[in-house]
PDB file of N, CA and C in Angstrom:
ATOM      1  N   UNK A   1      -7.901 -22.231  23.475  1.00  0.00           N
ATOM      2  CA  UNK A   1      -8.755 -22.314  22.459  1.00  0.00           C
ATOM      3  C   UNK A   1      -8.426 -21.926  21.297  1.00  0.00           C
ATOM      4  N   UNK A   2      -8.865 -23.034  20.195  1.00  0.00           N
ATOM      5  CA  UNK A   2      -8.327 -23.126  19.059  1.00  0.00           C
ATOM      6  C   UNK A   2      -9.548 -22.671  18.281  1.00  0.00           C
ATOM      7  N   UNK A   3      -9.186 -21.407  17.560  1.00  0.00           N
ATOM      8  CA  UNK A   3     -10.331 -21.219  16.691  1.00  0.00           C
ATOM      9  C   UNK A   3     -10.194 -21.347  15.068  1.00  0.00           C
ATOM     10  N   UNK A   4     -11.210 -22.517  14.664  1.00  0.00           N
ATOM     11  CA  UNK A   4     -10.675 -22.899  13.080  1.00  0.00           C
ATOM     12  C   UNK A   4     -10.773 -22.183  12.140  1.00  0.00           C
ATOM     13  N   UNK A   5     -10.024 -21.972  10.890  1.00  0.00           N
ATOM     14  CA  UNK A   5      -9.959 -20.552  10.132  1.00  0.00           C
ATOM     15  C   UNK A   5     -11.241 -20.525   9.712  1.00  0.00           C
ATOM     16  N   UNK A   6     -12.035 -21.559   9.344  1.00  0.00           N
ATOM     17  CA  UNK A   6     -13.472 -21.556   8.873  1.00  0.00           C
ATOM     18  C   UNK A   6     -14.410 -20.981   9.650  1.00  0.00           C
ATOM     19  N   UNK A   7     -14.337 -20.969  11.204  1.00  0.00           N
ATOM     20  CA  UNK A   7     -15.141 -20.590  11.346  1.00  0.00           C
ATOM     21  C   UNK A   7     -14.840 -18.588  11.761  1.00  0.00           C
ATOM     22  N   UNK A   8     -13.905 -18.356  11.808  1.00  0.00           N
ATOM     23  CA  UNK A   8     -13.527 -17.244  11.678  1.00  0.00           C
ATOM     24  C   UNK A   8     -14.455 -15.967  11.816  1.00  0.00           C
ATOM     25  N   UNK A   9     -15.176 -15.688  10.400  1.00  0.00           N
ATOM     26  CA  UNK A   9     -16.077 -15.301   9.808  1.00  0.00           C
ATOM     27  C   UNK A   9     -17.213 -15.252  10.625  1.00  0.00           C
ATOM     28  N   UNK A  10     -17.869 -15.800  11.631  1.00  0.00           N
ATOM     29  CA  UNK A  10     -18.817 -16.790  11.909  1.00  0.00           C
ATOM     30  C   UNK A  10     -18.845 -16.290  13.639  1.00  0.00           C
ATOM     31  N   UNK A  11     -17.493 -15.872  14.281  1.00  0.00           N
ATOM     32  CA  UNK A  11     -17.512 -15.369  15.401  1.00  0.00           C
ATOM     33  C   UNK A  11     -17.837 -13.688  15.933  1.00  0.00           C
ATOM     34  N   UNK A  12     -18.322 -13.942  16.849  1.00  0.00           N
ATOM     35  CA  UNK A  12     -19.138 -12.717  17.262  1.00  0.00           C
ATOM     36  C   UNK A  12     -17.523 -11.691  18.128  1.00  0.00           C
ATOM     37  N   UNK A  13     -17.316 -10.912  18.072  1.00  0.00           N
ATOM     38  CA  UNK A  13     -16.656  -9.928  18.370  1.00  0.00           C
ATOM     39  C   UNK A  13     -16.793  -8.718  18.954  1.00  0.00           C
ATOM     40  N   UNK A  14     -18.397  -8.743  19.284  1.00  0.00           N
ATOM     41  CA  UNK A  14     -18.991  -7.420  19.256  1.00  0.00           C
ATOM     42  C   UNK A  14     -18.933  -6.752  21.283  1.00  0.00           C
ATOM     43  N   UNK A  15     -18.455  -7.577  21.999  1.00  0.00           N
ATOM     44  CA  UNK A  15     -18.019  -7.888  23.326  1.00  0.00           C
ATOM     45  C   UNK A  15     -16.290  -7.026  23.426  1.00  0.00           C
ATOM     46  N   UNK A  16     -15.895  -6.946  21.903  1.00  0.00           N
ATOM     47  CA  UNK A  16     -14.262  -6.761  22.019  1.00  0.00           C
ATOM     48  C   UNK A  16     -13.662  -5.382  21.371  1.00  0.00           C
ATOM     49  N   UNK A  17     -15.087  -5.622  19.760  1.00  0.00           N
ATOM     50  CA  UNK A  17     -14.886  -4.675  18.753  1.00  0.00           C
ATOM     51  C   UNK A  17     -16.383  -4.001  18.556  1.00  0.00           C
ATOM     52  N   UNK A  18     -16.186  -3.031  18.023  1.00  0.00           N
ATOM     53  CA  UNK A  18     -17.387  -2.327  17.051  1.00  0.00           C
ATOM     54  C   UNK A  18     -17.528  -2.963  15.588  1.00  0.00           C
ATOM     55  N   UNK A  19     -16.510  -3.539  15.671  1.00  0.00           N
ATOM     56  CA  UNK A  19     -16.013  -3.970  13.817  1.00  0.00           C
ATOM     57  C   UNK A  19     -15.606  -2.929  13.190  1.00  0.00           C
ATOM     58  N   UNK A  20     -15.084  -1.601  13.452  1.00  0.00           N
ATOM     59  CA  UNK A  20     -14.540  -0.768  12.611  1.00  0.00           C
ATOM     60  C   UNK A  20     -13.414  -1.150  12.750  1.00  0.00           C
ATOM     61  N   UNK A  21     -12.811  -1.131  11.573  1.00  0.00           N
ATOM     62  CA  UNK A  21     -11.420  -1.326  11.211  1.00  0.00           C
ATOM     63  C   UNK A  21     -10.204  -0.053  11.691  1.00  0.00           C
ATOM     64  N   UNK A  22      -9.258  -0.158  12.085  1.00  0.00           N
ATOM     65  CA  UNK A  22      -8.760   0.942  12.316  1.00  0.00           C
ATOM     66  C   UNK A  22      -7.505   1.479  11.128  1.00  0.00           C
ATOM     67  N   UNK A  23      -7.666   2.602  11.020  1.00  0.00           N
ATOM     68  CA  UNK A  23      -6.657   2.969  10.117  1.00  0.00           C
ATOM     69  C   UNK A  23      -5.777   3.033   9.832  1.00  0.00           C
ATOM     70  N   UNK A  24      -4.900   2.263   8.816  1.00  0.00           N
ATOM     71  CA  UNK A  24      -3.689   1.502   8.567  1.00  0.00           C
ATOM     72  C   UNK A  24      -2.702   2.860   8.751  1.00  0.00           C
ATOM     73  N   UNK A  25      -1.819   2.340   9.715  1.00  0.00           N
ATOM     74  CA  UNK A  25      -0.697   3.331  10.219  1.00  0.00           C
ATOM     75  C   UNK A  25       0.547   3.645   8.666  1.00  0.00           C
ATOM     76  N   UNK A  26       1.170   4.571   8.114  1.00  0.00           N
ATOM     77  CA  UNK A  26       1.969   4.400   7.508  1.00  0.00           C
ATOM     78  C   UNK A  26       3.172   4.552   7.877  1.00  0.00           C
ATOM     79  N   UNK A  27       4.386   3.700   7.811  1.00  0.00           N
ATOM     80  CA  UNK A  27       5.590   3.727   8.308  1.00  0.00           C
ATOM     81  C   UNK A  27       6.465   5.154   8.589  1.00  0.00           C
ATOM     82  N   UNK A  28       5.628   5.762   7.810  1.00  0.00           N
ATOM     83  CA  UNK A  28       6.572   7.029   7.913  1.00  0.00           C
ATOM     84  C   UNK A  28       6.333   7.865   9.407  1.00  0.00           C
ATOM     85  N   UNK A  29       4.774   7.451   9.900  1.00  0.00           N
ATOM     86  CA  UNK A  29       4.482   7.963  11.586  1.00  0.00           C
ATOM     87  C   UNK A  29       5.271   7.444  12.134  1.00  0.00           C
ATOM     88  N   UNK A  30       5.647   6.073  11.996  1.00  0.00           N
ATOM     89  CA  UNK A  30       6.124   5.351  13.099  1.00  0.00           C
ATOM     90  C   UNK A  30       7.875   5.415  12.712  1.00  0.00           C
ATOM     91  N   UNK A  31       8.238   5.916  12.117  1.00  0.00           N
ATOM     92  CA  UNK A  31      10.027   6.300  11.593  1.00  0.00           C
ATOM     93  C   UNK A  31       9.716   7.910  12.230  1.00  0.00           C
ATOM     94  N   UNK A  32       8.968   8.924  12.197  1.00  0.00           N
ATOM     95  CA  UNK A  32       9.079   9.999  12.408  1.00  0.00           C
ATOM     96  C   UNK A  32       8.934  10.041  14.287  1.00  0.00           C
ATOM     97  N   UNK A  33       7.810   9.415  14.735  1.00  0.00           N
ATOM     98  CA  UNK A  33       7.492   9.467  15.796  1.00  0.00           C
ATOM     99  C   UNK A  33       7.952   8.895  16.842  1.00  0.00           C
ATOM    100  N   UNK A  34       8.469   7.246  16.170  1.00  0.00           N
ATOM    101  CA  UNK A  34       8.783   6.319  17.409  1.00  0.00           C
ATOM    102  C   UNK A  34      10.689   6.368  17.189  1.00  0.00           C
ATOM    103  N   UNK A  35      10.934   6.416  16.320  1.00  0.00           N
ATOM    104  CA  UNK A  35      12.329   6.480  16.383  1.00  0.00           C
ATOM    105  C   UNK A  35      13.188   7.844  16.101  1.00  0.00           C
ATOM    106  N   UNK A  36      13.004   8.896  14.942  1.00  0.00           N
ATOM    107  CA  UNK A  36      13.353  10.077  14.880  1.00  0.00           C
ATOM    108  C   UNK A  36      13.336  10.935  15.757  1.00  0.00           C
ATOM    109  N   UNK A  37      12.010  11.461  16.325  1.00  0.00           N
ATOM    110  CA  UNK A  37      11.860  12.467  16.724  1.00  0.00           C
ATOM    111  C   UNK A  37      12.371  11.811  18.509  1.00  0.00           C
ATOM    112  N   UNK A  38      12.164  10.680  19.053  1.00  0.00           N
ATOM    113  CA  UNK A  38      12.811  10.497  20.247  1.00  0.00           C
ATOM    114  C   UNK A  38      14.478  10.491  20.252  1.00  0.00           C
ATOM    115  N   UNK A  39      15.325   9.977  19.533  1.00  0.00           N
ATOM    116  CA  UNK A  39      16.402  10.545  19.325  1.00  0.00           C
ATOM    117  C   UNK A  39      17.008  11.511  18.874  1.00  0.00           C
ATOM    118  N   UNK A  40      15.928  12.594  18.702  1.00  0.00           N
ATOM    119  CA  UNK A  40      16.572  14.024  18.059  1.00  0.00           C
ATOM    120  C   UNK A  40      17.100  14.060  16.902  1.00  0.00           C
ATOM    121  N   UNK A  41      16.915  12.716  15.704  1.00  0.00           N
ATOM    122  CA  UNK A  41      17.227  13.180  15.051  1.00  0.00           C
ATOM    123  C   UNK A  41      16.476  13.838  14.000  1.00  0.00           C
ATOM    124  N   UNK A  42      16.879  14.858  12.722  1.00  0.00           N
ATOM    125  CA  UNK A  42      16.408  15.898  11.771  1.00  0.00           C
ATOM    126  C   UNK A  42      16.224  14.853  10.636  1.00  0.00           C
ATOM    127  N   UNK A  43      15.585  15.204   9.470  1.00  0.00           N
ATOM    128  CA  UNK A  43      14.903  14.449   8.334  1.00  0.00           C
ATOM    129  C   UNK A  43      16.304  14.738   7.726  1.00  0.00           C
ATOM    130  N   UNK A  44      17.192  15.537   7.427  1.00  0.00           N
ATOM    131  CA  UNK A  44      18.200  15.921   6.792  1.00  0.00           C
ATOM    132  C   UNK A  44      19.285  14.817   7.132  1.00  0.00           C
ATOM    133  N   UNK A  45      19.614  15.034   8.776  1.00  0.00           N
ATOM    134  CA  UNK A  45      20.512  14.492   9.629  1.00  0.00           C
ATOM    135  C   UNK A  45      20.706  12.940   8.589  1.00  0.00           C
ATOM    136  N   UNK A  46      19.041  12.744   9.133  1.00  0.00           N
ATOM    137  CA  UNK A  46      18.902  10.696   8.747  1.00  0.00           C
ATOM    138  C   UNK A  46      19.323  10.750   7.723  1.00  0.00           C
ATOM    139  N   UNK A  47      18.754  11.581   6.161  1.00  0.00           N
ATOM    140  CA  UNK A  47      18.880  11.493   4.839  1.00  0.00           C
ATOM    141  C   UNK A  47      20.365  11.068   4.766  1.00  0.00           C
ATOM    142  N   UNK A  48      21.458  12.061   5.151  1.00  0.00           N
ATOM    143  CA  UNK A  48      22.734  12.688   4.405  1.00  0.00           C
ATOM    144  C   UNK A  48      23.471  11.395   5.193  1.00  0.00           C
ATOM    145  N   UNK A  49      23.173  11.124   6.393  1.00  0.00           N
ATOM    146  CA  UNK A  49      23.817  10.002   7.183  1.00  0.00           C
ATOM    147  C   UNK A  49      23.425   7.976   6.769  1.00  0.00           C
ATOM    148  N   UNK A  50      22.295   7.890   6.278  1.00  0.00           N
ATOM    149  CA  UNK A  50      21.753   6.813   5.560  1.00  0.00           C
ATOM    150  C   UNK A  50      22.403   7.239   4.159  1.00  0.00           C
ATOM    151  N   UNK A  51      22.753   7.949   3.513  1.00  0.00           N
ATOM    152  CA  UNK A  51      23.365   8.338   1.672  1.00  0.00           C
ATOM    153  C   UNK A  51      21.875   7.941   1.095  1.00  0.00           C
ATOM    154  N   UNK A  52      20.580   9.156   1.367  1.00  0.00           N
ATOM    155  CA  UNK A  52      19.559   8.523   0.853  1.00  0.00           C
ATOM    156  C   UNK A  52      19.496  10.683   0.452  1.00  0.00           C
ATOM    157  N   UNK A  53      18.631  11.012  -0.613  1.00  0.00           N
ATOM    158  CA  UNK A  53      18.271  12.517  -0.886  1.00  0.00           C
ATOM    159  C   UNK A  53      17.654  12.715   0.200  1.00  0.00           C
ATOM    160  N   UNK A  54      17.693  13.893   0.918  1.00  0.00           N
ATOM    161  CA  UNK A  54      16.739  14.740   1.878  1.00  0.00           C
ATOM    162  C   UNK A  54      15.398  14.462   1.524  1.00  0.00           C
ATOM    163  N   UNK A  55      15.082  14.487   0.263  1.00  0.00           N
ATOM    164  CA  UNK A  55      13.453  14.676  -0.128  1.00  0.00           C
ATOM    165  C   UNK A  55      12.869  13.270   0.081  1.00  0.00           C
ATOM    166  N   UNK A  56      13.688  12.278  -0.059  1.00  0.00           N
ATOM    167  CA  UNK A  56      13.064  10.789   0.263  1.00  0.00           C
ATOM    168  C   UNK A  56      12.518  10.236   1.565  1.00  0.00           C
ATOM    169  N   UNK A  57      13.530  10.643   2.717  1.00  0.00           N
ATOM    170  CA  UNK A  57      12.711  11.193   3.893  1.00  0.00           C
ATOM    171  C   UNK A  57      11.888  11.842   4.263  1.00  0.00           C
ATOM    172  N   UNK A  58      11.871  13.297   3.695  1.00  0.00           N
ATOM    173  CA  UNK A  58      10.940  14.357   3.914  1.00  0.00           C
ATOM    174  C   UNK A  58       9.371  13.121   3.207  1.00  0.00           C
ATOM    175  N   UNK A  59       9.212  13.094   2.199  1.00  0.00           N
ATOM    176  CA  UNK A  59       8.291  12.356   1.591  1.00  0.00           C
ATOM    177  C   UNK A  59       7.606  11.097   2.339  1.00  0.00           C
ATOM    178  N   UNK A  60       8.741  10.125   2.675  1.00  0.00           N
ATOM    179  CA  UNK A  60       8.033   8.841   3.621  1.00  0.00           C
ATOM    180  C   UNK A  60       7.469   9.256   5.015  1.00  0.00           C
ATOM    181  N   UNK A  61       8.372  11.024   5.563  1.00  0.00           N
ATOM    182  CA  UNK A  61       6.977  11.089   6.887  1.00  0.00           C
ATOM    183  C   UNK A  61       6.329  11.657   6.713  1.00  0.00           C
ATOM    184  N   UNK A  62       6.135  12.204   5.476  1.00  0.00           N
ATOM    185  CA  UNK A  62       4.900  12.726   4.944  1.00  0.00           C
ATOM    186  C   UNK A  62       3.724  12.070   4.591  1.00  0.00           C
ATOM    187  N   UNK A  63       3.955  11.071   4.323  1.00  0.00           N
ATOM    188  CA  UNK A  63       3.131  10.043   3.766  1.00  0.00           C
ATOM    189  C   UNK A  63       3.054   9.811   2.502  1.00  0.00           C
ATOM    190  N   UNK A  64       3.805  10.260   1.419  1.00  0.00           N
ATOM    191  CA  UNK A  64       3.721  10.863   0.075  1.00  0.00           C
ATOM    192  C   UNK A  64       4.601   9.655  -0.523  1.00  0.00           C
ATOM    193  N   UNK A  65       5.519   8.530   0.323  1.00  0.00           N
ATOM    194  CA  UNK A  65       6.361   7.388  -0.118  1.00  0.00           C
ATOM    195  C   UNK A  65       6.398   6.382   0.544  1.00  0.00           C
ATOM    196  N   UNK A  66       6.358   5.573  -0.021  1.00  0.00           N
ATOM    197  CA  UNK A  66       6.493   4.535   0.214  1.00  0.00           C
ATOM    198  C   UNK A  66       8.358   3.909   1.010  1.00  0.00           C
ATOM    199  N   UNK A  67       8.231   3.012   2.015  1.00  0.00           N
ATOM    200  CA  UNK A  67       9.946   2.405   2.004  1.00  0.00           C
ATOM    201  C   UNK A  67      10.142   1.221   1.323  1.00  0.00           C
ATOM    202  N   UNK A  68      11.011   1.938   0.579  1.00  0.00           N
ATOM    203  CA  UNK A  68      11.534   0.371  -0.239  1.00  0.00           C
ATOM    204  C   UNK A  68      12.598  -0.272   0.262  1.00  0.00           C
ATOM    205  N   UNK A  69      12.741  -1.596  -0.213  1.00  0.00           N
ATOM    206  CA  UNK A  69      13.917  -2.377   0.249  1.00  0.00           C
ATOM    207  C   UNK A  69      15.096  -1.776   0.435  1.00  0.00           C
ATOM    208  N   UNK A  70      15.306  -0.874  -0.316  1.00  0.00           N
ATOM    209  CA  UNK A  70      16.623  -0.152  -0.203  1.00  0.00           C
ATOM    210  C   UNK A  70      16.482   1.245   1.417  1.00  0.00           C
ATOM    211  N   UNK A  71      15.650   1.249   1.138  1.00  0.00           N
ATOM    212  CA  UNK A  71      15.708   3.061   2.447  1.00  0.00           C
ATOM    213  C   UNK A  71      15.587   1.382   3.428  1.00  0.00           C
ATOM    214  N   UNK A  72      14.783   0.512   3.564  1.00  0.00           N
ATOM    215  CA  UNK A  72      14.906  -0.210   4.636  1.00  0.00           C
ATOM    216  C   UNK A  72      16.191  -0.468   5.359  1.00  0.00           C
ATOM    217  N   UNK A  73      17.097  -1.222   4.422  1.00  0.00           N
ATOM    218  CA  UNK A  73      17.994  -1.799   4.460  1.00  0.00           C
ATOM    219  C   UNK A  73      19.107  -0.355   5.473  1.00  0.00           C
ATOM    220  N   UNK A  74      18.736   0.353   4.454  1.00  0.00           N
ATOM    221  CA  UNK A  74      19.439   1.949   5.314  1.00  0.00           C
ATOM    222  C   UNK A  74      18.985   2.261   6.304  1.00  0.00           C
ATOM    223  N   UNK A  75      17.676   2.008   6.654  1.00  0.00           N
ATOM    224  CA  UNK A  75      17.211   2.496   8.029  1.00  0.00           C
ATOM    225  C   UNK A  75      17.289   1.186   9.059  1.00  0.00           C
ATOM    226  N   UNK A  76      17.562   0.184   8.604  1.00  0.00           N
ATOM    227  CA  UNK A  76      18.075  -0.593   9.319  1.00  0.00           C
ATOM    228  C   UNK A  76      19.163  -0.877  10.044  1.00  0.00           C
ATOM    229  N   UNK A  77      19.993  -0.289   9.369  1.00  0.00           N
ATOM    230  CA  UNK A  77      21.836  -0.211   9.613  1.00  0.00           C
ATOM    231  C   UNK A  77      21.513   0.712  10.836  1.00  0.00           C
ATOM    232  N   UNK A  78      21.243   2.165  10.435  1.00  0.00           N
ATOM    233  CA  UNK A  78      21.496   2.866  11.207  1.00  0.00           C
ATOM    234  C   UNK A  78      20.448   3.034  12.830  1.00  0.00           C
ATOM    235  N   UNK A  79      19.048   2.545  12.696  1.00  0.00           N
ATOM    236  CA  UNK A  79      18.729   2.451  14.163  1.00  0.00           C
ATOM    237  C   UNK A  79      19.043   1.234  14.288  1.00  0.00           C
ATOM    238  N   UNK A  80      19.419  -0.101  13.715  1.00  0.00           N
ATOM    239  CA  UNK A  80      19.221  -1.363  14.613  1.00  0.00           C
ATOM    240  C   UNK A  80      18.339  -2.429  14.814  1.00  0.00           C
ATOM    241  N   UNK A  81      17.750  -2.013  13.666  1.00  0.00           N
ATOM    242  CA  UNK A  81      16.183  -3.098  13.452  1.00  0.00           C
ATOM    243  C   UNK A  81      16.667  -4.086  12.385  1.00  0.00           C
ATOM    244  N   UNK A  82      15.982  -4.622  11.829  1.00  0.00           N
ATOM    245  CA  UNK A  82      15.949  -5.281  10.916  1.00  0.00           C
ATOM    246  C   UNK A  82      15.059  -4.598   9.508  1.00  0.00           C
ATOM    247  N   UNK A  83      15.686  -5.179   8.535  1.00  0.00           N
ATOM    248  CA  UNK A  83      15.008  -4.424   7.008  1.00  0.00           C
ATOM    249  C   UNK A  83      13.737  -4.693   6.817  1.00  0.00           C
ATOM    250  N   UNK A  84      13.428  -5.966   7.657  1.00  0.00           N
ATOM    251  CA  UNK A  84      12.060  -6.729   7.192  1.00  0.00           C
ATOM    252  C   UNK A  84      11.235  -6.034   8.363  1.00  0.00           C
ATOM    253  N   UNK A  85      11.559  -5.606   9.259  1.00  0.00           N
ATOM    254  CA  UNK A  85      11.078  -4.943  10.055  1.00  0.00           C
ATOM    255  C   UNK A  85      10.335  -3.285   9.444  1.00  0.00           C
ATOM    256  N   UNK A  86      11.205  -2.886   8.541  1.00  0.00           N
ATOM    257  CA  UNK A  86      10.655  -1.928   7.861  1.00  0.00           C
ATOM    258  C   UNK A  86       9.441  -2.309   6.851  1.00  0.00           C
ATOM    259  N   UNK A  87      10.196  -3.143   5.805  1.00  0.00           N
ATOM    260  CA  UNK A  87       9.555  -3.717   4.866  1.00  0.00           C
ATOM    261  C   UNK A  87       7.742  -4.254   5.373  1.00  0.00           C
ATOM    262  N   UNK A  88       7.627  -4.859   6.535  1.00  0.00           N
ATOM    263  CA  UNK A  88       6.627  -5.266   6.891  1.00  0.00           C
ATOM    264  C   UNK A  88       5.536  -4.156   7.290  1.00  0.00           C
ATOM    265  N   UNK A  89       6.466  -3.284   7.684  1.00  0.00           N
ATOM    266  CA  UNK A  89       5.352  -2.053   8.092  1.00  0.00           C
ATOM    267  C   UNK A  89       4.900  -1.572   6.880  1.00  0.00           C
ATOM    268  N   UNK A  90       5.553  -1.536   5.847  1.00  0.00           N
ATOM    269  CA  UNK A  90       4.750  -1.153   4.577  1.00  0.00           C
ATOM    270  C   UNK A  90       4.253  -1.878   4.200  1.00  0.00           C
ATOM    271  N   UNK A  91       4.211  -3.223   3.772  1.00  0.00           N
ATOM    272  CA  UNK A  91       3.649  -4.440   3.214  1.00  0.00           C
ATOM    273  C   UNK A  91       2.170  -4.327   3.856  1.00  0.00           C
ATOM    274  N   UNK A  92       1.976  -4.073   5.413  1.00  0.00           N
ATOM    275  CA  UNK A  92       0.709  -4.061   6.111  1.00  0.00           C
ATOM    276  C   UNK A  92       0.047  -3.216   5.452  1.00  0.00           C
ATOM    277  N   UNK A  93       0.694  -1.499   5.630  1.00  0.00           N
ATOM    278  CA  UNK A  93      -0.014  -0.385   5.448  1.00  0.00           C
ATOM    279  C   UNK A  93      -0.557  -1.016   3.876  1.00  0.00           C
ATOM    280  N   UNK A  94       0.129  -1.234   3.026  1.00  0.00           N
ATOM    281  CA  UNK A  94      -0.377  -1.202   1.520  1.00  0.00           C
ATOM    282  C   UNK A  94      -1.144  -2.440   1.896  1.00  0.00           C
ATOM    283  N   UNK A  95      -1.176  -3.436   1.900  1.00  0.00           N
ATOM    284  CA  UNK A  95      -2.254  -4.136   2.867  1.00  0.00           C
ATOM    285  C   UNK A  95      -3.853  -3.960   3.140  1.00  0.00           C
ATOM    286  N   UNK A  96      -3.411  -3.062   3.879  1.00  0.00           N
ATOM    287  CA  UNK A  96      -4.820  -2.610   4.415  1.00  0.00           C
ATOM    288  C   UNK A  96      -5.177  -1.668   3.514  1.00  0.00           C
ATOM    289  N   UNK A  97      -4.485  -0.691   3.098  1.00  0.00           N
ATOM    290  CA  UNK A  97      -5.657   0.089   1.809  1.00  0.00           C
ATOM    291  C   UNK A  97      -6.102  -1.052   0.643  1.00  0.00           C
ATOM    292  N   UNK A  98      -5.548  -1.776   0.254  1.00  0.00           N
ATOM    293  CA  UNK A  98      -6.098  -2.404  -0.795  1.00  0.00           C
ATOM    294  C   UNK A  98      -7.444  -3.158  -0.428  1.00  0.00           C
ATOM    295  N   UNK A  99      -7.013  -3.472   0.693  1.00  0.00           N
ATOM    296  CA  UNK A  99      -8.194  -4.761   1.553  1.00  0.00           C
ATOM    297  C   UNK A  99      -9.343  -3.487   1.303  1.00  0.00           C
ATOM    298  N   UNK A 100      -9.525  -1.826   1.831  1.00  0.00           N
ATOM    299  CA  UNK A 100     -10.645  -1.118   2.088  1.00  0.00           C
ATOM    300  C   UNK A 100     -10.887  -1.197   0.796  1.00  0.00           C
ATOM    301  N   UNK A 101     -10.330  -1.203  -0.046  1.00  0.00           N
ATOM    302  CA  UNK A 101     -10.686  -0.594  -1.533  1.00  0.00           C
ATOM    303  C   UNK A 101     -11.797  -2.307  -2.260  1.00  0.00           C
ATOM    304  N   UNK A 102     -10.834  -3.404  -2.234  1.00  0.00           N
ATOM    305  CA  UNK A 102     -11.652  -4.331  -2.431  1.00  0.00           C
ATOM    306  C   UNK A 102     -12.537  -5.296  -1.784  1.00  0.00           C
ATOM    307  N   UNK A 103     -12.942  -4.626  -0.321  1.00  0.00           N
ATOM    308  CA  UNK A 103     -13.427  -5.592   0.513  1.00  0.00           C
ATOM    309  C   UNK A 103     -14.719  -6.265   0.069  1.00  0.00           C
ATOM    310  N   UNK A 104     -15.409  -5.363  -0.821  1.00  0.00           N
ATOM    311  CA  UNK A 104     -16.377  -6.188  -1.348  1.00  0.00           C
ATOM    312  C   UNK A 104     -16.508  -7.630  -2.539  1.00  0.00           C
ATOM    313  N   UNK A 105     -15.576  -7.461  -3.450  1.00  0.00           N
ATOM    314  CA  UNK A 105     -14.925  -8.120  -4.169  1.00  0.00           C
ATOM    315  C   UNK A 105     -14.491  -9.620  -2.945  1.00  0.00           C
ATOM    316  N   UNK A 106     -13.644  -8.583  -2.230  1.00  0.00           N
ATOM    317  CA  UNK A 106     -13.284 -10.603  -1.435  1.00  0.00           C
ATOM    318  C   UNK A 106     -14.164 -11.241  -0.416  1.00  0.00           C
ATOM    319  N   UNK A 107     -14.895 -10.154  -0.388  1.00  0.00           N
ATOM    320  CA  UNK A 107     -16.344 -11.382   0.682  1.00  0.00           C
ATOM    321  C   UNK A 107     -16.818 -12.279  -0.352  1.00  0.00           C
ATOM    322  N   UNK A 108     -17.103 -12.021  -1.663  1.00  0.00           N
ATOM    323  CA  UNK A 108     -17.723 -13.063  -2.938  1.00  0.00           C
ATOM    324  C   UNK A 108     -16.787 -14.252  -3.247  1.00  0.00           C
ATOM    325  N   UNK A 109     -16.231 -13.926  -2.492  1.00  0.00           N
ATOM    326  CA  UNK A 109     -14.608 -14.965  -3.151  1.00  0.00           C
ATOM    327  C   UNK A 109     -14.656 -16.559  -1.736  1.00  0.00           C
ATOM    328  N   UNK A 110     -14.986 -17.758  -2.287  1.00  0.00           N
ATOM    329  CA  UNK A 110     -15.039 -18.767  -1.148  1.00  0.00           C
ATOM    330  C   UNK A 110     -13.999 -19.336  -0.982  1.00  0.00           C
ATOM    331  N   UNK A 111     -14.040 -19.485   0.575  1.00  0.00           N
ATOM    332  CA  UNK A 111     -13.076 -20.082   1.198  1.00  0.00           C
ATOM    333  C   UNK A 111     -12.753 -21.451   0.354  1.00  0.00           C
ATOM    334  N   UNK A 112     -12.066 -21.810   0.313  1.00  0.00           N
ATOM    335  CA  UNK A 112     -10.527 -23.167  -0.129  1.00  0.00           C
ATOM    336  C   UNK A 112     -10.890 -24.359   1.253  1.00  0.00           C
ATOM    337  N   UNK A 113     -11.990 -25.373   0.711  1.00  0.00           N
ATOM    338  CA  UNK A 113     -12.043 -25.953   1.919  1.00  0.00           C
ATOM    339  C   UNK A 113     -11.389 -27.622   1.744  1.00  0.00           C
ATOM    340  N   UNK A 114     -10.198 -27.754   2.491  1.00  0.00           N
ATOM    341  CA  UNK A 114      -9.758 -29.060   2.064  1.00  0.00           C
ATOM    342  C   UNK A 114     -10.474 -30.199   1.907  1.00  0.00           C
ATOM    343  N   UNK A 115     -11.434 -30.376   2.687  1.00  0.00           N
ATOM    344  CA  UNK A 115     -12.098 -31.400   2.692  1.00  0.00           C
ATOM    345  C   UNK A 115     -12.938 -31.750   1.752  1.00  0.00           C
ATOM    346  N   UNK A 116     -12.926 -30.940   0.471  1.00  0.00           N
ATOM    347  CA  UNK A 116     -13.519 -31.170  -0.461  1.00  0.00           C
ATOM    348  C   UNK A 116     -12.758 -31.461  -1.853  1.00  0.00           C
ATOM    349  N   UNK A 117     -11.511 -31.896  -1.103  1.00  0.00           N
ATOM    350  CA  UNK A 117     -10.357 -31.900  -2.096  1.00  0.00           C
ATOM    351  C   UNK A 117     -10.578 -32.869  -3.489  1.00  0.00           C
ATOM    352  N   UNK A 118     -11.561 -34.426  -3.134  1.00  0.00           N
ATOM    353  CA  UNK A 118     -11.934 -34.924  -4.262  1.00  0.00           C
ATOM    354  C   UNK A 118     -13.211 -34.327  -4.732  1.00  0.00           C
ATOM    355  N   UNK A 119     -13.662 -33.530  -4.160  1.00  0.00           N
ATOM    356  CA  UNK A 119     -15.014 -33.402  -4.531  1.00  0.00           C
ATOM    357  C   UNK A 119     -14.936 -31.972  -5.387  1.00  0.00           C
ATOM    358  N   UNK A 120     -15.874 -31.795  -5.906  1.00  0.00           N
ATOM    359  CA  UNK A 120     -16.296 -29.985  -6.605  1.00  0.00           C
ATOM    360  C   UNK A 120     -16.214 -28.810  -5.735  1.00  0.00           C
ATOM    361  N   UNK A 121     -15.388 -27.650  -6.088  1.00  0.00           N
ATOM    362  CA  UNK A 121     -15.568 -26.644  -5.329  1.00  0.00           C
ATOM    363  C   UNK A 121     -16.155 -25.649  -6.281  1.00  0.00           C
ATOM    364  N   UNK A 122     -16.222 -24.784  -5.218  1.00  0.00           N
ATOM    365  CA  UNK A 122     -17.062 -23.640  -6.028  1.00  0.00           C
ATOM    366  C   UNK A 122     -16.075 -22.915  -7.123  1.00  0.00           C
ATOM    367  N   UNK A 123     -15.101 -23.414  -7.889  1.00  0.00           N
ATOM    368  CA  UNK A 123     -14.261 -22.711  -8.415  1.00  0.00           C
ATOM    369  C   UNK A 123     -15.064 -22.078  -9.608  1.00  0.00           C
ATOM    370  N   UNK A 124     -14.347 -20.922 -10.201  1.00  0.00           N
ATOM    371  CA  UNK A 124     -14.507 -20.478 -11.406  1.00  0.00           C
ATOM    372  C   UNK A 124     -14.267 -21.673 -12.505  1.00  0.00           C
ATOM    373  N   UNK A 125     -14.908 -21.629 -13.735  1.00  0.00           N
ATOM    374  CA  UNK A 125     -14.700 -22.615 -14.771  1.00  0.00           C
ATOM    375  C   UNK A 125     -13.456 -22.188 -15.550  1.00  0.00           C
TER     376      UNK A 125
END
């Protein structure tokens, strides 16, 4: 079954969800619990090995700092992932935080309808 983009807002998902969005997961939580802890890697050892200040790793795992492209490249080399894995986690976290802050404004923005391409859209002047 294919769901059309314009129909998604009108679908009742109450049988599988109560509508509450889960809190976004900071990449530092994934770094700590899914990578460092299982491998027995300390913050200090990771930082020294990948060539960053220990404070950077500490702030990431305590949700006080974002994962930059530089850090993502270094983490990907060490853990055998891709840099995109880390930057995508960060982007998803940032996007969800902003979405919750501007949700009311987002709801007021009309969806573009390509079927109306030759006609007037509800566009701002």
